[in-house]
Amino acid sequence: MARDRPDHRGRKSERSAEPSVIGPVRRLHGRLSSAVREYVGRPLQRRTPLCALRIHHRLRRALEPEEYTDADPFSLRWVDPATIRRSILETAPDRPQWGRVEGGDWDRRWEPFDERPVPRAIVEHFEDGRPWRETPLYDHFADQLRRFNSAWDYTSMEAFDRRCAEIEALYRSIREHGYRSQRELAALEDAATARVSPFDEIAVDVGRDGELLWRSYGQHRLAIAKLLEVESVPVVVHRRHRRWQAVRDAVRRGADPSRDGARRNRRHPDLRPLVRGRGETP
């Protein structure tokens, strides 16, 4: 399922004119959507107490135990970023699925994470020294504008350089200060982190065999962490495959996770709290 890399050489002259990509009406729509996210959605997220969402999850599990996990859906799992190799962004539902359990083949509809435009561009820029405009990020930024009327809350190609400056600042922060969770950043109470939300952690699903599949949020952070060989990053698990949930259930009842599967299950980040008998990160 890997995709061929497009040839980005010789395009500098084509890109000097900064194409508009979308017209004024769609640009206005993009600005309105970004404003709603910025001034309504994000503040609402920050003000929503996790304890209320946890109570809601427990009630749903009590009513539908086969459809919801026993795990705290908002606990953090610290995982090796190198183990997140596949993406299901294009096939995962847009809505959050905190704590859901689902069967089916959704975990088999993936693409290599490292072949996505953003991770490729980050490697090409920081490792190979290629200018941002000659990386896949440039075309991807334009594609986001065409598809969604905005790209990371920007509504024109004129903002591409500003977006790149943000990525470079993020790279420097992780390189110099290490990877910090959204909750750690929010605790700094700095004006620069005012937009931080605990719901913006890297989001993953867990497939039938325990594989961590990237589904949304933190794409740039994850790609940079992989490039810098960061030891571990925090993730929030949204959805678990029904077969994997059965493994969790068995381990919770006292089964040895290495009996019915690979010995690596003992160290799986989703089983560690059960195997060691320790609480989960709140």
Protein backbone atom coordinates (compact mmCIF):
# COMPACT_ATOMS: atom_id res chain seq x y z
CA MET A 1 0.00 0.00 0.00
CA ALA A 2 3.03 2.24 -0.08
CA ARG A 3 2.78 5.17 -2.46
CA ASP A 4 5.43 6.25 -4.93
CA ARG A 5 7.14 9.49 -4.03
CA PRO A 6 6.43 12.28 -6.51
CA ASP A 7 9.40 14.03 -8.04
CA HIS A 8 9.60 17.50 -6.48
CA ARG A 9 12.72 18.66 -8.31
CA GLY A 10 12.55 21.56 -10.68
CA ARG A 11 9.35 23.05 -9.26
CA LYS A 12 10.73 26.18 -7.70
CA SER A 13 9.73 28.41 -10.60
CA GLU A 14 6.21 26.96 -10.63
CA ARG A 15 5.71 27.87 -6.97
CA SER A 16 6.94 31.43 -6.91
CA ALA A 17 3.52 32.85 -7.79
CA GLU A 18 1.74 31.47 -4.69
CA PRO A 19 -1.51 30.10 -6.23
CA SER A 20 -4.72 31.05 -4.48
CA VAL A 21 -6.04 27.44 -4.65
CA ILE A 22 -9.50 28.40 -3.37
CA GLY A 23 -11.75 31.35 -4.14
CA PRO A 24 -12.89 34.11 -1.75
CA VAL A 25 -16.18 32.40 -0.79
CA ARG A 26 -14.50 29.13 0.20
CA ARG A 27 -11.74 31.08 1.93
CA LEU A 28 -14.38 32.91 4.00
CA HIS A 29 -15.98 29.57 4.84
CA GLY A 30 -12.60 28.27 5.95
CA ARG A 31 -12.02 31.31 8.16
CA LEU A 32 -15.45 30.94 9.76
CA SER A 33 -14.83 27.23 10.43
CA SER A 34 -11.43 28.02 11.95
CA ALA A 35 -12.96 30.75 14.10
CA VAL A 36 -15.62 28.37 15.42
CA ARG A 37 -12.92 25.84 16.33
CA GLU A 38 -10.74 28.51 17.93
CA TYR A 39 -13.34 30.44 19.91
CA VAL A 40 -16.02 27.81 20.55
CA GLY A 41 -14.70 24.26 20.09
CA ARG A 42 -11.33 24.53 21.81
CA PRO A 43 -12.50 26.61 24.80
CA LEU A 44 -15.36 24.15 25.30
CA GLN A 45 -12.90 21.25 25.24
CA ARG A 46 -10.63 22.93 27.78
CA ARG A 47 -13.58 23.58 30.10
CA THR A 48 -15.02 20.07 29.85
CA PRO A 49 -13.98 18.16 32.98
CA LEU A 50 -12.52 14.75 32.23
CA CYS A 51 -14.28 13.36 35.29
CA ALA A 52 -17.66 14.03 33.64
CA LEU A 53 -16.57 12.22 30.46
CA ARG A 54 -15.25 9.31 32.53
CA ILE A 55 -18.62 9.00 34.29
CA HIS A 56 -20.35 9.04 30.91
CA HIS A 57 -18.03 6.26 29.70
CA ARG A 58 -18.72 4.10 32.76
CA LEU A 59 -22.46 4.49 32.25
CA ARG A 60 -22.18 3.51 28.58
CA ARG A 61 -20.05 0.48 29.50
CA ALA A 62 -22.59 -0.58 32.12
CA LEU A 63 -25.32 -0.46 29.47
CA GLU A 64 -23.26 -1.88 26.58
CA PRO A 65 -20.31 -3.84 28.04
CA GLU A 66 -19.46 -5.41 24.68
CA GLU A 67 -19.16 -2.02 22.99
CA TYR A 68 -16.97 -0.18 25.50
CA THR A 69 -13.63 -1.02 27.05
CA ASP A 70 -12.80 -1.52 30.70
CA ALA A 71 -9.85 0.90 30.34
CA ASP A 72 -10.01 4.56 31.27
CA PRO A 73 -10.43 6.12 27.80
CA PHE A 74 -8.55 9.28 28.81
CA SER A 75 -5.52 7.70 30.44
CA LEU A 76 -2.19 8.20 28.70
CA ARG A 77 -0.09 5.37 27.31
CA TRP A 78 3.60 6.20 26.90
CA VAL A 79 4.79 4.35 23.83
CA ASP A 80 7.86 4.12 21.62
CA PRO A 81 6.96 6.32 18.60
CA ALA A 82 8.88 3.95 16.31
CA THR A 83 6.22 1.29 16.97
CA ILE A 84 3.51 3.43 15.33
CA ARG A 85 4.08 2.44 11.71
CA ARG A 86 0.64 2.58 10.12
CA SER A 87 -2.03 5.23 9.66
CA ILE A 88 -5.80 4.82 9.40
CA LEU A 89 -6.56 8.55 9.24
CA GLU A 90 -8.32 8.31 5.88
CA THR A 91 -10.66 5.50 7.01
CA ALA A 92 -11.24 6.24 10.71
CA PRO A 93 -14.43 8.10 11.67
CA ASP A 94 -14.04 11.87 12.10
CA ARG A 95 -15.81 11.81 15.46
CA PRO A 96 -13.99 10.78 18.65
CA GLN A 97 -14.40 7.14 19.68
CA TRP A 98 -13.07 7.28 23.22
CA GLY A 99 -13.32 3.86 24.79
CA ARG A 100 -15.10 2.14 21.92
CA VAL A 101 -14.72 -1.54 21.05
CA GLU A 102 -15.42 -2.61 17.46
CA GLY A 103 -14.99 -5.74 15.41
CA GLY A 104 -14.54 -5.91 11.64
CA ASP A 105 -11.65 -5.20 9.29
CA TRP A 106 -11.14 -1.51 10.04
CA ASP A 107 -7.65 -2.24 11.36
CA ARG A 108 -6.60 -3.65 7.98
CA ARG A 109 -7.39 -0.52 5.99
CA TRP A 110 -4.14 1.35 6.56
CA GLU A 111 -1.30 3.15 4.84
CA PRO A 112 2.33 3.48 6.02
CA PHE A 113 2.56 6.45 8.38
CA ASP A 114 6.06 7.37 7.18
CA GLU A 115 4.81 7.57 3.59
CA ARG A 116 2.29 10.28 4.39
CA PRO A 117 3.20 13.75 3.03
CA VAL A 118 3.82 15.37 6.43
CA PRO A 119 6.27 12.76 7.81
CA ARG A 120 8.05 12.60 4.46
CA ALA A 121 8.39 16.39 4.34
CA ILE A 122 9.74 16.54 7.89
CA VAL A 123 12.43 13.96 7.07
CA GLU A 124 13.32 15.67 3.79
CA HIS A 125 13.60 19.11 5.41
CA PHE A 126 15.35 18.35 8.70
CA GLU A 127 17.45 15.39 7.62
CA ASP A 128 18.11 16.06 3.94
CA GLY A 129 18.10 19.87 4.08
CA ARG A 130 15.46 20.31 1.39
CA PRO A 131 13.53 23.62 1.38
CA TRP A 132 9.96 23.28 2.57
CA ARG A 133 8.56 24.32 -0.80
CA GLU A 134 10.34 21.41 -2.45
CA THR A 135 8.95 18.85 -0.02
CA PRO A 136 5.57 17.08 -0.20
CA LEU A 137 4.26 19.49 2.43
CA TYR A 138 3.71 22.23 -0.16
CA ASP A 139 1.34 20.19 -2.32
CA HIS A 140 -0.29 18.70 0.77
CA PHE A 141 -0.98 22.17 2.17
CA ALA A 142 -2.71 23.09 -1.11
CA ASP A 143 -4.65 19.81 -1.06
CA GLN A 144 -5.91 20.54 2.46
CA LEU A 145 -7.17 23.92 1.27
CA ARG A 146 -9.01 22.31 -1.64
CA ARG A 147 -10.58 19.59 0.50
CA PHE A 148 -11.41 21.47 3.70
CA ASN A 149 -11.15 25.20 2.85
CA SER A 150 -8.37 25.51 5.42
CA ALA A 151 -5.03 23.91 6.24
CA TRP A 152 -4.15 23.84 9.94
CA ASP A 153 -6.44 26.87 10.38
CA TYR A 154 -4.82 28.81 7.53
CA THR A 155 -6.91 29.69 4.49
CA SER A 156 -4.39 30.65 1.80
CA MET A 157 -1.08 29.55 0.34
CA GLU A 158 0.39 32.85 1.50
CA ALA A 159 0.40 31.37 5.00
CA PHE A 160 2.51 28.35 4.02
CA ASP A 161 5.75 29.89 5.29
CA ARG A 162 4.12 30.71 8.63
CA ARG A 163 3.04 27.10 8.99
CA CYS A 164 6.58 25.94 8.25
CA ALA A 165 7.94 28.31 10.90
CA GLU A 166 5.58 26.70 13.42
CA ILE A 167 6.86 23.24 12.53
CA GLU A 168 10.44 24.40 12.94
CA ALA A 169 9.61 25.86 16.37
CA LEU A 170 8.01 22.56 17.34
CA TYR A 171 11.08 20.65 16.18
CA ARG A 172 13.38 22.88 18.24
CA SER A 173 11.17 22.55 21.32
CA ILE A 174 11.16 18.74 21.22
CA ARG A 175 14.87 18.59 20.44
CA GLU A 176 15.85 20.98 23.24
CA HIS A 177 13.25 20.25 25.94
CA GLY A 178 12.10 16.74 25.16
CA TYR A 179 8.58 15.59 24.33
CA ARG A 180 5.97 16.96 26.73
CA SER A 181 2.35 15.91 26.95
CA GLN A 182 -0.42 18.40 26.27
CA ARG A 183 -1.23 18.35 29.99
CA GLU A 184 2.36 19.20 30.85
CA LEU A 185 2.31 22.08 28.38
CA ALA A 186 -1.00 23.36 29.76
CA ALA A 187 0.48 23.29 33.27
CA LEU A 188 3.14 25.78 32.19
CA GLU A 189 0.37 28.43 32.09
CA ASP A 190 2.21 30.33 29.41
CA ALA A 191 0.45 32.53 26.87
CA ALA A 192 2.13 30.55 24.11
CA THR A 193 0.35 27.38 25.26
CA ALA A 194 -3.09 28.91 25.77
CA ARG A 195 -4.53 26.82 22.92
CA VAL A 196 -3.37 23.53 24.44
CA SER A 197 -6.09 20.96 25.09
CA PRO A 198 -5.75 17.54 26.77
CA PHE A 199 -7.83 16.17 23.89
CA ASP A 200 -5.05 16.98 21.41
CA GLU A 201 -2.69 14.16 22.36
CA ILE A 202 -1.61 11.78 19.61
CA ALA A 203 -4.65 9.56 19.00
CA VAL A 204 -4.30 5.87 18.18
CA ASP A 205 -6.48 2.81 17.78
CA VAL A 206 -5.40 -0.71 18.76
CA GLY A 207 -5.79 -3.40 16.10
CA ARG A 208 -6.68 -7.06 16.61
CA ASP A 209 -3.07 -8.07 17.25
CA GLY A 210 -2.28 -5.13 19.50
CA GLU A 211 -0.75 -2.93 16.81
CA LEU A 212 -0.96 0.80 17.50
CA LEU A 213 -2.50 2.59 14.52
CA TRP A 214 -2.28 6.37 14.22
CA ARG A 215 -5.72 7.86 13.57
CA SER A 216 -5.54 11.62 14.23
CA TYR A 217 -3.89 14.49 16.10
CA GLY A 218 -0.21 15.06 16.60
CA GLN A 219 0.96 13.99 13.15
CA HIS A 220 3.82 16.52 13.15
CA ARG A 221 4.74 15.72 16.76
CA LEU A 222 4.84 12.00 16.05
CA ALA A 223 6.91 12.42 12.89
CA ILE A 224 9.42 14.67 14.68
CA ALA A 225 9.61 12.30 17.65
CA LYS A 226 10.38 9.42 15.29
CA LEU A 227 13.05 11.45 13.49
CA LEU A 228 14.69 12.54 16.77
CA GLU A 229 14.42 8.99 18.13
CA VAL A 230 12.50 10.13 21.20
CA GLU A 231 12.20 7.22 23.62
CA SER A 232 8.47 7.53 24.33
CA VAL A 233 5.47 9.76 23.62
CA PRO A 234 2.03 9.90 25.25
CA VAL A 235 -0.96 8.66 23.26
CA VAL A 236 -4.68 8.32 23.92
CA VAL A 237 -6.37 5.15 22.70
CA HIS A 238 -9.72 5.85 21.05
CA ARG A 239 -10.82 2.47 19.75
CA ARG A 240 -9.82 -1.15 20.34
CA HIS A 241 -10.50 -4.08 18.10
CA ARG A 242 -12.85 -6.61 19.66
CA ARG A 243 -10.19 -9.33 19.49
CA TRP A 244 -7.68 -7.16 21.32
CA GLN A 245 -10.24 -6.24 23.95
CA ALA A 246 -10.68 -9.98 24.54
CA VAL A 247 -6.95 -10.14 25.35
CA ARG A 248 -7.35 -7.27 27.83
CA ASP A 249 -10.33 -9.02 29.42
CA ALA A 250 -8.37 -12.26 29.82
CA VAL A 251 -5.37 -10.49 31.35
CA ARG A 252 -7.60 -8.55 33.70
CA ARG A 253 -9.02 -11.87 34.92
CA GLY A 254 -5.49 -13.06 35.67
CA ALA A 255 -4.41 -14.81 32.45
CA ASP A 256 -0.74 -14.72 31.46
CA PRO A 257 -0.54 -12.46 28.37
CA SER A 258 2.33 -14.55 27.00
CA ARG A 259 0.34 -17.79 26.95
CA ASP A 260 -2.05 -17.01 24.12
CA GLY A 261 0.17 -14.71 22.14
CA ALA A 262 3.65 -13.36 21.69
CA ARG A 263 5.73 -12.77 24.79
CA ARG A 264 5.96 -9.12 23.78
CA ASN A 265 2.37 -8.77 25.01
CA ARG A 266 3.77 -8.53 28.53
CA ARG A 267 5.34 -5.21 27.60
CA HIS A 268 2.47 -3.94 25.49
CA PRO A 269 1.58 -0.41 26.66
CA ASP A 270 -2.12 -1.28 26.78
CA LEU A 271 -1.52 -4.29 29.04
CA ARG A 272 1.27 -2.96 31.23
CA PRO A 273 -1.08 -1.44 33.87
CA LEU A 274 -2.89 -4.78 34.13
CA VAL A 275 0.22 -6.97 34.22
CA ARG A 276 2.04 -4.82 36.77
CA GLY A 277 -1.04 -4.04 38.78
CA ARG A 278 -0.35 -0.33 38.62
CA GLY A 279 -2.81 2.45 38.05
CA GLU A 280 -3.09 4.28 34.76
CA THR A 281 -1.93 7.83 34.13
CA PRO A 282 -4.96 10.02 34.86
